[in-house]
Amino acid sequence: MPETAEKAPSIVLTGGGSAGHVTPNIALLGPLQARGYDISYIGSYDGIEKRLISDFDIPYYGISSGKLRRYFDPQNFTDPFKVIKGFVEARKILKELKPDVVFSKGGYVAVPVVRAAATLKIPCILHESDMTPGLANRICIPVASRICCNFPETLTKLPADKAILTGTPIREELLKGSRERAMELCGFTSDKPVILVIGGSLGAVSVNQVVRASLPKLLPDFQVVHITGKDKMDNLLLRTEGYKQFEYLKSDLKDMFALADLVISRAGANAICELLALKKPNILVPLPKTASRGDQLLNAASFEAQGFSAVVDEDNLTPVLLTEKIHEVFFNKNLYIENMKNSGQMDAVKMIINLIEKEFERHGCPDS
């Protein structure tokens, strides 16, 4: 008798609003495809997630998305209707796709997707990157099957029967950079160490300014790769020897990581977990509480306490302090590397894939 073809397992990924809510999903794509999963992505109509996912052969579905604010804003009167519209759209898409599992990396666009999935009895796995759960994930936690997190401290803030420490999925490509290719792209030499500055696309102006003001003291001893953020390059410094600027890097980022001897970065959870995976000595300049909910300050404090990072508060950031800190960290770079090697970092991709597989086995395929 001919065998009956079994339905391939299927999953919907969601998350958006910033690259940090998308890149961990991207890290899961290859392993999921290798296991035969049909993968779809639900994000906002035209958010950053749509641009990032467009590089992959993944069906993308856009829904209405509204921001959930804890402060007064005139849009607070209209955004709830956008969220409701997004819920209706997400439910319709999920009914058509009939996924076995939804995996959410968070962000406001994920809220209607997860809540709609719950009404259809589709199991949802969440991932919380930061030390304390954000508002979007807090809304989704009650209906989630499992909640993955990065920090041991976060486990105490989540339901004990749902929480699991996994770390952040890291894109495998980041571990395969070419130092030689990056050196050629930057026009650097091999006689000086390299500092990689990742200012981030938001709130990087002050960091960019201090880095540039520090160049006269840094360039005699170091070469500097500076990822400035969109429209934040300084044209007057384009010909400065030993200093190379980029607005943004995609496929070349892995090569810049391979080239870097020290990294200066914001303290977003995904960014610092990538630094840990790459064993890169680093200086973190977390977003201050005035510009965020304070999660980067907590992330940075945890990494500093574990000996993975040095931290400089943005309010105290000056060219003199930054230069001193760079020399201090570089002098002690082997200690930071050793601490990161001994971190016991988990294979987040493998752990999360196993959780997804367990949900698929537990709930089985939905009826066709």
Protein backbone atom coordinates (compact mmCIF):
# COMPACT_ATOMS: atom_id res chain seq x y z
CA MET A 1 0.00 0.00 0.00
CA PRO A 2 1.28 3.50 -0.80
CA GLU A 3 2.26 5.53 2.24
CA THR A 4 0.07 8.48 3.11
CA ALA A 5 2.02 11.71 2.82
CA GLU A 6 2.29 13.39 6.17
CA LYS A 7 1.76 17.12 6.52
CA ALA A 8 5.04 18.95 7.05
CA PRO A 9 5.33 20.65 10.44
CA SER A 10 4.64 24.35 10.20
CA ILE A 11 5.51 27.40 12.25
CA VAL A 12 4.75 31.10 12.24
CA LEU A 13 7.48 33.43 13.43
CA THR A 14 6.61 36.91 14.62
CA GLY A 15 8.33 39.91 16.12
CA GLY A 16 9.33 43.35 14.99
CA GLY A 17 9.77 47.03 15.61
CA SER A 18 13.57 46.79 15.85
CA ALA A 19 16.29 44.52 14.47
CA GLY A 20 16.63 42.93 17.90
CA HIS A 21 13.11 41.56 17.57
CA VAL A 22 13.92 39.97 14.20
CA THR A 23 17.53 38.70 14.06
CA PRO A 24 16.96 35.87 16.61
CA ASN A 25 14.11 34.65 14.39
CA ILE A 26 16.47 34.74 11.43
CA ALA A 27 18.92 32.60 13.40
CA LEU A 28 16.24 29.89 13.64
CA LEU A 29 15.41 29.80 9.92
CA GLY A 30 18.15 27.43 8.76
CA PRO A 31 17.70 24.82 11.52
CA LEU A 32 13.91 24.89 11.09
CA GLN A 33 14.19 24.47 7.33
CA ALA A 34 16.64 21.60 7.83
CA ARG A 35 13.95 19.86 9.89
CA GLY A 36 11.37 20.29 7.14
CA TYR A 37 9.29 23.07 8.68
CA ASP A 38 7.06 25.25 6.54
CA ILE A 39 7.84 28.74 7.84
CA SER A 40 5.80 31.92 7.56
CA TYR A 41 6.37 35.33 9.13
CA ILE A 42 3.80 37.78 10.45
CA GLY A 43 4.97 41.35 11.02
CA SER A 44 3.80 44.90 10.48
CA TYR A 45 2.89 46.28 7.08
CA ASP A 46 6.20 48.05 6.48
CA GLY A 47 8.39 47.73 9.59
CA ILE A 48 12.06 46.79 9.73
CA GLU A 49 11.06 43.13 10.03
CA LYS A 50 9.62 43.20 6.50
CA ARG A 51 12.90 44.51 5.08
CA LEU A 52 15.03 42.00 6.99
CA ILE A 53 12.86 38.98 6.14
CA SER A 54 12.77 39.96 2.46
CA ASP A 55 16.31 38.56 2.16
CA PHE A 56 14.91 35.07 2.76
CA ASP A 57 12.47 32.97 0.78
CA ILE A 58 9.83 33.12 3.51
CA PRO A 59 6.14 34.06 3.02
CA TYR A 60 5.55 37.37 4.80
CA TYR A 61 2.18 38.63 6.02
CA GLY A 62 1.68 42.21 7.16
CA ILE A 63 -0.84 43.23 9.80
CA SER A 64 -1.87 46.46 11.47
CA SER A 65 0.27 47.35 14.48
CA GLY A 66 -0.15 49.93 17.22
CA LYS A 67 2.25 50.87 19.97
CA LEU A 68 1.24 50.25 23.58
CA ARG A 69 2.46 53.26 25.55
CA ARG A 70 2.69 53.85 29.28
CA TYR A 71 2.79 57.62 28.83
CA PHE A 72 0.42 60.21 27.36
CA ASP A 73 0.44 60.56 23.61
CA PRO A 74 -2.39 61.57 21.26
CA GLN A 75 -1.87 58.31 19.38
CA ASN A 76 -3.01 56.45 22.50
CA PHE A 77 -6.53 57.21 21.32
CA THR A 78 -6.08 55.63 17.88
CA ASP A 79 -3.50 52.86 18.36
CA PRO A 80 -5.83 50.52 20.31
CA PHE A 81 -7.98 50.33 17.17
CA LYS A 82 -4.87 49.43 15.14
CA VAL A 83 -4.14 46.62 17.61
CA ILE A 84 -7.71 45.33 17.34
CA LYS A 85 -7.48 45.44 13.55
CA GLY A 86 -4.14 43.57 13.76
CA PHE A 87 -5.76 40.92 15.96
CA VAL A 88 -8.52 40.33 13.39
CA GLU A 89 -6.02 40.20 10.53
CA ALA A 90 -3.66 37.87 12.43
CA ARG A 91 -6.51 35.50 13.34
CA LYS A 92 -7.59 35.29 9.71
CA ILE A 93 -4.02 34.55 8.56
CA LEU A 94 -3.49 31.92 11.26
CA LYS A 95 -6.76 30.19 10.39
CA GLU A 96 -5.56 29.91 6.80
CA LEU A 97 -1.99 28.81 7.62
CA LYS A 98 -2.93 26.43 10.46
CA PRO A 99 0.57 26.45 11.99
CA ASP A 100 1.52 23.90 14.60
CA VAL A 101 3.43 26.47 16.66
CA VAL A 102 3.94 30.23 16.88
CA PHE A 103 7.32 31.55 18.01
CA SER A 104 7.36 35.19 19.10
CA LYS A 105 10.44 37.33 19.58
CA GLY A 106 8.36 40.20 20.93
CA GLY A 107 7.66 43.76 19.96
CA TYR A 108 4.21 45.31 19.69
CA VAL A 109 3.34 43.62 16.39
CA ALA A 110 3.63 40.23 18.14
CA VAL A 111 0.84 40.96 20.64
CA PRO A 112 -2.13 40.53 18.25
CA VAL A 113 -0.47 37.47 16.69
CA VAL A 114 0.06 35.65 19.99
CA ARG A 115 -3.32 36.57 21.40
CA ALA A 116 -5.03 35.50 18.16
CA ALA A 117 -3.12 32.20 18.17
CA ALA A 118 -4.36 31.55 21.71
CA THR A 119 -7.99 31.85 20.59
CA LEU A 120 -7.25 29.17 17.96
CA LYS A 121 -5.49 26.93 20.51
CA ILE A 122 -2.18 27.21 18.67
CA PRO A 123 0.71 26.87 21.18
CA CYS A 124 2.99 29.89 21.44
CA ILE A 125 6.59 30.09 22.60
CA LEU A 126 7.85 33.53 23.61
CA HIS A 127 11.40 34.82 23.89
CA GLU A 128 12.23 37.63 26.32
CA SER A 129 15.67 39.11 25.69
CA ASP A 130 15.91 41.64 28.47
CA MET A 131 16.32 41.24 32.20
CA THR A 132 12.73 42.29 32.89
CA PRO A 133 9.86 41.44 30.53
CA GLY A 134 8.65 44.29 28.35
CA LEU A 135 5.01 45.34 28.16
CA ALA A 136 4.32 43.47 24.91
CA ASN A 137 5.56 40.17 26.33
CA ARG A 138 3.78 40.74 29.64
CA ILE A 139 0.51 40.89 27.71
CA CYS A 140 1.36 37.62 25.96
CA ILE A 141 2.75 35.64 28.93
CA PRO A 142 -0.63 34.42 30.25
CA VAL A 143 -1.40 32.55 27.00
CA ALA A 144 2.13 31.30 26.22
CA SER A 145 3.15 27.65 26.49
CA ARG A 146 6.82 28.40 27.24
CA ILE A 147 8.86 31.57 27.77
CA CYS A 148 12.56 31.60 26.89
CA CYS A 149 14.91 34.12 28.46
CA ASN A 150 18.53 35.30 28.44
CA PHE A 151 19.36 36.01 32.07
CA PRO A 152 19.09 33.82 35.17
CA GLU A 153 17.65 36.84 36.98
CA THR A 154 14.68 36.86 34.58
CA LEU A 155 13.49 33.43 35.71
CA THR A 156 12.24 34.93 38.98
CA LYS A 157 10.05 37.37 37.03
CA LEU A 158 8.29 34.71 34.94
CA PRO A 159 5.84 31.88 35.75
CA ALA A 160 7.99 29.03 37.07
CA ASP A 161 6.14 26.37 35.06
CA LYS A 162 6.71 28.22 31.76
CA ALA A 163 10.13 29.84 32.06
CA ILE A 164 13.32 28.32 30.67
CA LEU A 165 16.80 29.82 30.39
CA THR A 166 17.96 29.43 26.79
CA GLY A 167 20.00 32.49 25.88
CA THR A 168 19.52 34.27 22.55
CA PRO A 169 19.65 32.48 19.18
CA ILE A 170 22.81 33.67 17.42
CA ARG A 171 23.07 33.79 13.64
CA GLU A 172 25.59 31.12 12.71
CA GLU A 173 27.00 33.35 9.97
CA LEU A 174 28.37 35.75 12.59
CA LEU A 175 30.83 33.05 13.66
CA LYS A 176 32.19 32.68 10.12
CA GLY A 177 33.65 36.10 9.35
CA SER A 178 36.87 36.76 7.45
CA ARG A 179 39.35 39.10 9.13
CA GLU A 180 41.28 39.42 5.88
CA ARG A 181 38.22 40.47 3.90
CA ALA A 182 37.28 43.10 6.48
CA MET A 183 40.83 44.45 6.52
CA GLU A 184 40.73 44.80 2.75
CA LEU A 185 37.29 46.47 2.84
CA CYS A 186 38.49 49.01 5.42
CA GLY A 187 41.93 49.54 3.94
CA PHE A 188 43.52 48.72 7.30
CA THR A 189 46.95 47.33 8.09
CA SER A 190 47.87 44.41 10.33
CA ASP A 191 50.18 46.35 12.65
CA LYS A 192 47.47 47.95 14.85
CA PRO A 193 44.52 46.42 16.74
CA VAL A 194 40.99 47.29 15.63
CA ILE A 195 38.11 48.81 17.59
CA LEU A 196 34.60 48.19 16.24
CA VAL A 197 32.03 50.81 17.29
CA ILE A 198 28.37 49.86 16.87
CA GLY A 199 26.42 53.01 17.67
CA GLY A 200 23.06 51.58 16.75
CA SER A 201 20.41 53.21 14.59
CA LEU A 202 18.67 54.93 17.52
CA GLY A 203 20.09 57.30 20.10
CA ALA A 204 23.69 56.96 18.89
CA VAL A 205 24.45 60.64 18.32
CA SER A 206 26.26 61.21 21.61
CA VAL A 207 28.30 58.01 21.27
CA ASN A 208 29.26 58.91 17.72
CA GLN A 209 30.36 62.39 18.79
CA VAL A 210 32.54 61.13 21.63
CA VAL A 211 34.14 58.44 19.47
CA ARG A 212 35.05 61.02 16.82
CA ALA A 213 36.39 63.43 19.44
CA SER A 214 38.57 60.57 20.75
CA LEU A 215 40.18 59.77 17.39
CA PRO A 216 43.28 61.97 17.81
CA LYS A 217 44.17 59.97 20.96
CA LEU A 218 43.10 56.59 19.57
CA LEU A 219 44.45 56.45 16.04
CA PRO A 220 48.15 56.39 17.01
CA ASP A 221 47.49 53.01 18.70
CA PHE A 222 44.29 51.65 17.12
CA GLN A 223 42.28 51.48 13.92
CA VAL A 224 38.56 52.20 14.21
CA VAL A 225 35.57 50.78 12.32
CA HIS A 226 32.52 52.90 13.08
CA ILE A 227 28.97 51.77 12.26
CA THR A 228 27.25 55.11 12.70
CA GLY A 229 23.59 54.50 11.93
CA LYS A 230 21.60 55.90 9.03
CA ASP A 231 22.54 59.42 7.90
CA LYS A 232 25.07 59.79 10.74
CA MET A 233 28.37 59.55 8.89
CA ASP A 234 30.79 62.49 9.11
CA ASN A 235 31.87 63.41 5.58
CA LEU A 236 34.77 65.48 6.88
CA LEU A 237 36.39 62.31 8.26
CA LEU A 238 35.98 60.09 5.18
CA ARG A 239 39.67 60.29 4.28
CA THR A 240 40.98 59.86 7.83
CA GLU A 241 43.60 57.09 7.82
CA GLY A 242 42.77 54.24 10.17
CA TYR A 243 39.12 55.30 10.55
CA LYS A 244 36.37 53.71 8.43
CA GLN A 245 32.69 54.60 8.66
CA PHE A 246 29.61 52.65 7.58
CA GLU A 247 25.97 53.61 8.04
CA TYR A 248 24.90 49.99 8.30
CA LEU A 249 26.34 46.55 7.58
CA LYS A 250 24.54 43.33 6.72
CA SER A 251 26.57 40.50 5.18
CA ASP A 252 29.85 42.30 5.95
CA LEU A 253 29.12 42.56 9.68
CA LYS A 254 30.47 39.07 10.37
CA ASP A 255 33.78 40.09 8.80
CA MET A 256 34.00 43.23 10.95
CA PHE A 257 33.42 41.13 14.06
CA ALA A 258 36.24 38.82 12.95
CA LEU A 259 38.50 41.86 12.51
CA ALA A 260 37.64 43.52 15.84
CA ASP A 261 39.91 43.18 18.86
CA LEU A 262 37.54 45.27 21.00
CA VAL A 263 33.91 46.32 20.51
CA ILE A 264 32.05 49.39 21.76
CA SER A 265 28.31 48.81 21.72
CA ARG A 266 24.94 49.66 23.16
CA ALA A 267 23.66 47.07 25.62
CA GLY A 268 20.68 45.61 23.82
CA ALA A 269 20.27 41.99 24.88
CA ASN A 270 20.78 40.48 21.44
CA ALA A 271 23.86 42.61 20.77
CA ILE A 272 25.60 41.66 24.00
CA CYS A 273 24.76 37.98 23.58
CA GLU A 274 26.41 38.10 20.16
CA LEU A 275 29.51 39.63 21.76
CA LEU A 276 29.51 36.82 24.33
CA ALA A 277 29.21 34.16 21.63
CA LEU A 278 32.06 35.76 19.68
CA LYS A 279 34.20 36.19 22.84
CA LYS A 280 34.86 39.84 22.04
CA PRO A 281 36.17 42.12 24.81
CA ASN A 282 33.76 45.02 24.92
CA ILE A 283 32.73 48.34 26.39
CA LEU A 284 28.99 48.85 26.78
CA VAL A 285 27.32 52.26 26.70
CA PRO A 286 23.71 51.42 27.65
CA LEU A 287 20.83 53.65 26.70
CA PRO A 288 20.02 55.82 29.73
CA LYS A 289 16.70 55.48 31.50
CA THR A 290 15.57 58.80 30.01
CA ALA A 291 15.70 57.19 26.54
CA SER A 292 14.39 53.72 27.41
CA ARG A 293 12.67 51.71 30.14
CA GLY A 294 16.09 51.00 31.66
CA ASP A 295 16.52 47.45 30.35
CA GLN A 296 19.92 48.17 28.80
CA LEU A 297 21.24 49.41 32.13
CA LEU A 298 20.23 46.11 33.75
CA ASN A 299 21.66 44.05 30.87
CA ALA A 300 24.98 45.90 31.08
CA ALA A 301 25.18 45.57 34.85
CA SER A 302 24.70 41.80 34.60
CA PHE A 303 27.45 41.42 31.99
CA GLU A 304 29.80 43.64 33.96
CA ALA A 305 29.19 41.62 37.15
CA GLN A 306 30.01 38.41 35.25
CA GLY A 307 33.27 39.87 33.97
CA PHE A 308 32.19 39.93 30.31
CA SER A 309 32.07 43.70 29.79
CA ALA A 310 33.18 47.10 30.99
CA VAL A 311 30.39 49.66 31.28
CA VAL A 312 30.37 53.43 30.82
CA ASP A 313 27.22 55.45 31.52
CA GLU A 314 26.32 57.72 28.64
CA ASP A 315 25.86 60.66 31.02
CA ASN A 316 29.53 60.33 32.03
CA LEU A 317 30.89 59.59 28.56
CA THR A 318 33.75 61.88 27.52
CA PRO A 319 36.65 61.43 25.10
CA VAL A 320 39.08 61.21 28.02
CA LEU A 321 37.04 58.56 29.86
CA LEU A 322 36.40 56.53 26.70
CA THR A 323 40.07 56.56 25.73
CA GLU A 324 41.12 55.45 29.22
CA LYS A 325 38.52 52.68 29.27
CA ILE A 326 39.59 51.42 25.84
CA HIS A 327 43.21 51.13 26.93
CA GLU A 328 42.18 49.46 30.20
CA VAL A 329 39.98 46.85 28.51
CA PHE A 330 42.50 46.17 25.75
CA PHE A 331 45.27 45.67 28.32
CA ASN A 332 43.05 43.16 30.17
CA LYS A 333 41.47 41.63 27.06
CA ASN A 334 42.62 38.08 27.84
CA LEU A 335 40.84 38.18 31.20
CA TYR A 336 37.56 39.19 29.51
CA ILE A 337 38.00 36.47 26.88
CA GLU A 338 38.66 33.85 29.55
CA ASN A 339 35.58 34.90 31.52
CA MET A 340 33.45 34.58 28.39
CA LYS A 341 34.93 31.18 27.58
CA ASN A 342 33.95 30.01 31.07
CA SER A 343 30.44 31.47 30.89
CA GLY A 344 28.75 28.15 30.18
CA GLN A 345 26.83 29.84 27.38
CA MET A 346 24.06 27.63 26.09
CA ASP A 347 23.31 26.63 22.52
CA ALA A 348 20.18 28.74 22.32
CA VAL A 349 19.26 27.69 18.78
CA LYS A 350 19.35 24.00 19.71
CA MET A 351 17.38 24.53 22.93
CA ILE A 352 14.65 26.58 21.26
CA ILE A 353 14.35 24.18 18.33
CA ASN A 354 13.90 21.36 20.87
CA LEU A 355 11.11 23.33 22.59
CA ILE A 356 9.41 23.88 19.24
CA GLU A 357 9.70 20.17 18.43
CA LYS A 358 8.18 19.23 21.80
CA GLU A 359 5.21 21.54 21.21
CA PHE A 360 4.72 20.02 17.78
CA GLU A 361 4.84 16.47 19.21
CA ARG A 362 2.54 17.39 22.10
CA HIS A 363 -0.15 19.00 20.02
CA GLY A 364 0.28 17.16 16.73
CA CYS A 365 -0.74 18.46 13.37
CA PRO A 366 -3.96 20.45 13.13
CA ASP A 367 -6.59 19.03 10.86
CA SER A 368 -6.09 19.87 7.23
